[in-house]
C-alpha atoms as a PDB file:
ATOM      1  CA  MET A   1     208.678  24.803 132.902  1.00  0.00           C
ATOM      2  CA  SER A   2     206.534  22.164 134.463  1.00  0.00           C
ATOM      3  CA  LEU A   3     205.177  19.063 133.019  1.00  0.00           C
ATOM      4  CA  ASP A   4     201.786  20.193 133.184  1.00  0.00           C
ATOM      5  CA  ALA A   5     202.684  23.452 131.190  1.00  0.00           C
ATOM      6  CA  LEU A   6     204.639  21.546 128.801  1.00  0.00           C
ATOM      7  CA  ASP A   7     201.815  18.956 128.352  1.00  0.00           C
ATOM      8  CA  GLU A   8     199.565  22.049 127.620  1.00  0.00           C
ATOM      9  CA  ASN A   9     201.992  23.519 125.067  1.00  0.00           C
ATOM     10  CA  VAL A  10     202.435  19.993 123.291  1.00  0.00           C
ATOM     11  CA  LEU A  11     198.428  19.835 122.966  1.00  0.00           C
ATOM     12  CA  GLN A  12     198.464  23.304 121.851  1.00  0.00           C
ATOM     13  CA  TRP A  13     201.087  22.552 118.973  1.00  0.00           C
ATOM     14  CA  GLY A  14     198.950  19.346 118.026  1.00  0.00           C
ATOM     15  CA  LEU A  15     195.951  21.609 117.376  1.00  0.00           C
ATOM     16  CA  ASN A  16     198.088  24.339 115.401  1.00  0.00           C
ATOM     17  CA  LYS A  17     199.540  21.371 113.415  1.00  0.00           C
ATOM     18  CA  GLY A  18     195.974  19.870 112.824  1.00  0.00           C
ATOM     19  CA  ILE A  19     197.157  16.731 114.526  1.00  0.00           C
ATOM     20  CA  LEU A  20     194.275  17.472 116.952  1.00  0.00           C
ATOM     21  CA  PRO A  21     191.264  17.330 117.780  1.00  0.00           C
ATOM     22  CA  ASN A  22     190.963  14.137 115.840  1.00  0.00           C
ATOM     23  CA  PRO A  23     194.503  12.317 115.775  1.00  0.00           C
ATOM     24  CA  GLU A  24     194.515   9.073 113.911  1.00  0.00           C
ATOM     25  CA  PRO A  25     195.958   6.186 116.174  1.00  0.00           C
ATOM     26  CA  LEU A  26     197.805   4.353 113.739  1.00  0.00           C
ATOM     27  CA  ALA A  27     199.324   7.174 112.312  1.00  0.00           C
ATOM     28  CA  GLN A  28     200.462   8.282 115.730  1.00  0.00           C
ATOM     29  CA  LEU A  29     201.827   4.832 116.570  1.00  0.00           C
ATOM     30  CA  GLU A  30     204.013   5.170 113.156  1.00  0.00           C
ATOM     31  CA  LYS A  31     205.424   8.394 114.427  1.00  0.00           C
ATOM     32  CA  THR A  32     206.168   6.768 117.754  1.00  0.00           C
ATOM     33  CA  GLU A  33     208.006   3.812 116.144  1.00  0.00           C
ATOM     34  CA  GLU A  34     210.056   6.438 114.042  1.00  0.00           C
ATOM     35  CA  GLU A  35     210.883   8.180 117.061  1.00  0.00           C
ATOM     36  CA  VAL A  36     211.729   5.013 119.061  1.00  0.00           C
ATOM     37  CA  ALA A  37     214.451   4.052 115.984  1.00  0.00           C
ATOM     38  CA  GLU A  38     215.778   7.247 116.379  1.00  0.00           C
ATOM     39  CA  LEU A  39     216.171   6.786 120.153  1.00  0.00           C
ATOM     40  CA  ARG A  40     217.805   3.313 119.442  1.00  0.00           C
ATOM     41  CA  LYS A  41     220.345   4.998 116.881  1.00  0.00           C
ATOM     42  CA  ALA A  42     221.282   7.696 119.481  1.00  0.00           C
ATOM     43  CA  ILE A  43     221.846   5.328 122.026  1.00  0.00           C
ATOM     44  CA  GLU A  44     223.858   3.117 119.984  1.00  0.00           C
ATOM     45  CA  GLU A  45     225.902   6.336 118.977  1.00  0.00           C
ATOM     46  CA  TYR A  46     226.060   7.380 122.429  1.00  0.00           C
ATOM     47  CA  ASP A  47     224.708  10.787 121.880  1.00  0.00           C
ATOM     48  CA  ILE A  48     223.019  12.315 124.691  1.00  0.00           C
ATOM     49  CA  GLU A  49     221.509  15.297 122.821  1.00  0.00           C
ATOM     50  CA  GLU A  50     219.914  12.961 120.412  1.00  0.00           C
ATOM     51  CA  VAL A  51     218.691  10.743 123.112  1.00  0.00           C
ATOM     52  CA  LYS A  52     216.890  13.885 124.857  1.00  0.00           C
ATOM     53  CA  ASP A  53     215.579  14.868 121.798  1.00  0.00           C
ATOM     54  CA  ALA A  54     214.184  11.328 120.913  1.00  0.00           C
ATOM     55  CA  ILE A  55     212.802  10.699 124.343  1.00  0.00           C
ATOM     56  CA  GLY A  56     210.939  13.999 124.110  1.00  0.00           C
ATOM     57  CA  ASP A  57     209.760  13.299 120.391  1.00  0.00           C
ATOM     58  CA  ILE A  58     208.459   9.728 121.787  1.00  0.00           C
ATOM     59  CA  TYR A  59     206.352  11.714 124.660  1.00  0.00           C
ATOM     60  CA  VAL A  60     204.756  14.238 122.098  1.00  0.00           C
ATOM     61  CA  THR A  61     203.619  11.183 119.775  1.00  0.00           C
ATOM     62  CA  LEU A  62     202.583   9.307 122.836  1.00  0.00           C
ATOM     63  CA  THR A  63     200.743  12.448 123.961  1.00  0.00           C
ATOM     64  CA  MET A  64     198.896  12.608 120.697  1.00  0.00           C
ATOM     65  CA  GLN A  65     198.126   8.950 120.966  1.00  0.00           C
ATOM     66  CA  ALA A  66     196.597   9.383 124.293  1.00  0.00           C
ATOM     67  CA  GLU A  67     194.256  12.087 123.046  1.00  0.00           C
ATOM     68  CA  ALA A  68     193.246  10.072 120.169  1.00  0.00           C
ATOM     69  CA  TRP A  69     191.460   7.595 122.970  1.00  0.00           C
ATOM     70  CA  ASP A  70     190.352  10.602 125.143  1.00  0.00           C
ATOM     71  CA  LEU A  71     193.120   9.877 127.775  1.00  0.00           C
ATOM     72  CA  THR A  72     195.650  11.859 129.391  1.00  0.00           C
ATOM     73  CA  MET A  73     199.223  11.126 129.883  1.00  0.00           C
ATOM     74  CA  GLU A  74     198.721  11.515 133.610  1.00  0.00           C
ATOM     75  CA  GLU A  75     196.022   8.751 133.444  1.00  0.00           C
ATOM     76  CA  CYS A  76     198.132   6.521 131.242  1.00  0.00           C
ATOM     77  CA  ILE A  77     201.264   6.822 133.592  1.00  0.00           C
ATOM     78  CA  GLN A  78     199.250   6.192 136.418  1.00  0.00           C
ATOM     79  CA  ALA A  79     197.609   3.158 135.194  1.00  0.00           C
ATOM     80  CA  ALA A  80     201.056   1.827 134.589  1.00  0.00           C
ATOM     81  CA  TYR A  81     202.575   2.671 137.799  1.00  0.00           C
ATOM     82  CA  ASP A  82     199.181   1.008 139.586  1.00  0.00           C
ATOM     83  CA  VAL A  83     200.523  -2.096 137.825  1.00  0.00           C
ATOM     84  CA  ILE A  84     204.206  -1.964 138.168  1.00  0.00           C
ATOM     85  CA  LYS A  85     204.184  -0.954 141.877  1.00  0.00           C
ATOM     86  CA  ARG A  86     203.266  -4.185 142.926  1.00  0.00           C
ATOM     87  CA  ARG A  87     205.346  -6.158 140.376  1.00  0.00           C
ATOM     88  CA  THR A  88     208.173  -8.406 141.352  1.00  0.00           C
ATOM     89  CA  GLY A  89     211.040  -9.755 139.111  1.00  0.00           C
ATOM     90  CA  LYS A  90     214.814  -9.468 138.961  1.00  0.00           C
ATOM     91  CA  MET A  91     217.500  -7.931 136.745  1.00  0.00           C
ATOM     92  CA  ILE A  92     218.833 -10.374 134.091  1.00  0.00           C
ATOM     93  CA  ASN A  93     221.522  -8.818 131.557  1.00  0.00           C
ATOM     94  CA  GLY A  94     220.435  -5.269 132.438  1.00  0.00           C
ATOM     95  CA  LYS A  95     216.800  -5.779 131.921  1.00  0.00           C
ATOM     96  CA  PHE A  96     214.068  -6.241 134.496  1.00  0.00           C
ATOM     97  CA  VAL A  97     212.131  -9.353 134.103  1.00  0.00           C
ATOM     98  CA  LYS A  98     208.970  -9.654 135.944  1.00  0.00           C
ATOM     99  CA  ASP A  99     207.846 -12.782 137.782  1.00  0.00           C
ATOM    100  CA  ASN A 100     205.242 -14.800 136.075  1.00  0.00           C
END
């Protein structure tokens, strides 16, 4: 299934569950933080299936967050990419550190 189709399914799920049409930004942030904690645990345990599930759950919570601000995930990713594509820096201890 394409990402566009999955996004539509996620939005419909949000409607079905009552999260949409008016998601609460702080509540969605808390859900994202919970899912990020699950991702950390899955990484620490080197559990690829849980990593995959957590990344997907994070995407879902971020999709609800974007909707709270009348944005799309495409707009958000495009905005981030427009900034990072020109970014310079270097890898330090496995992490990209941007130049000032």
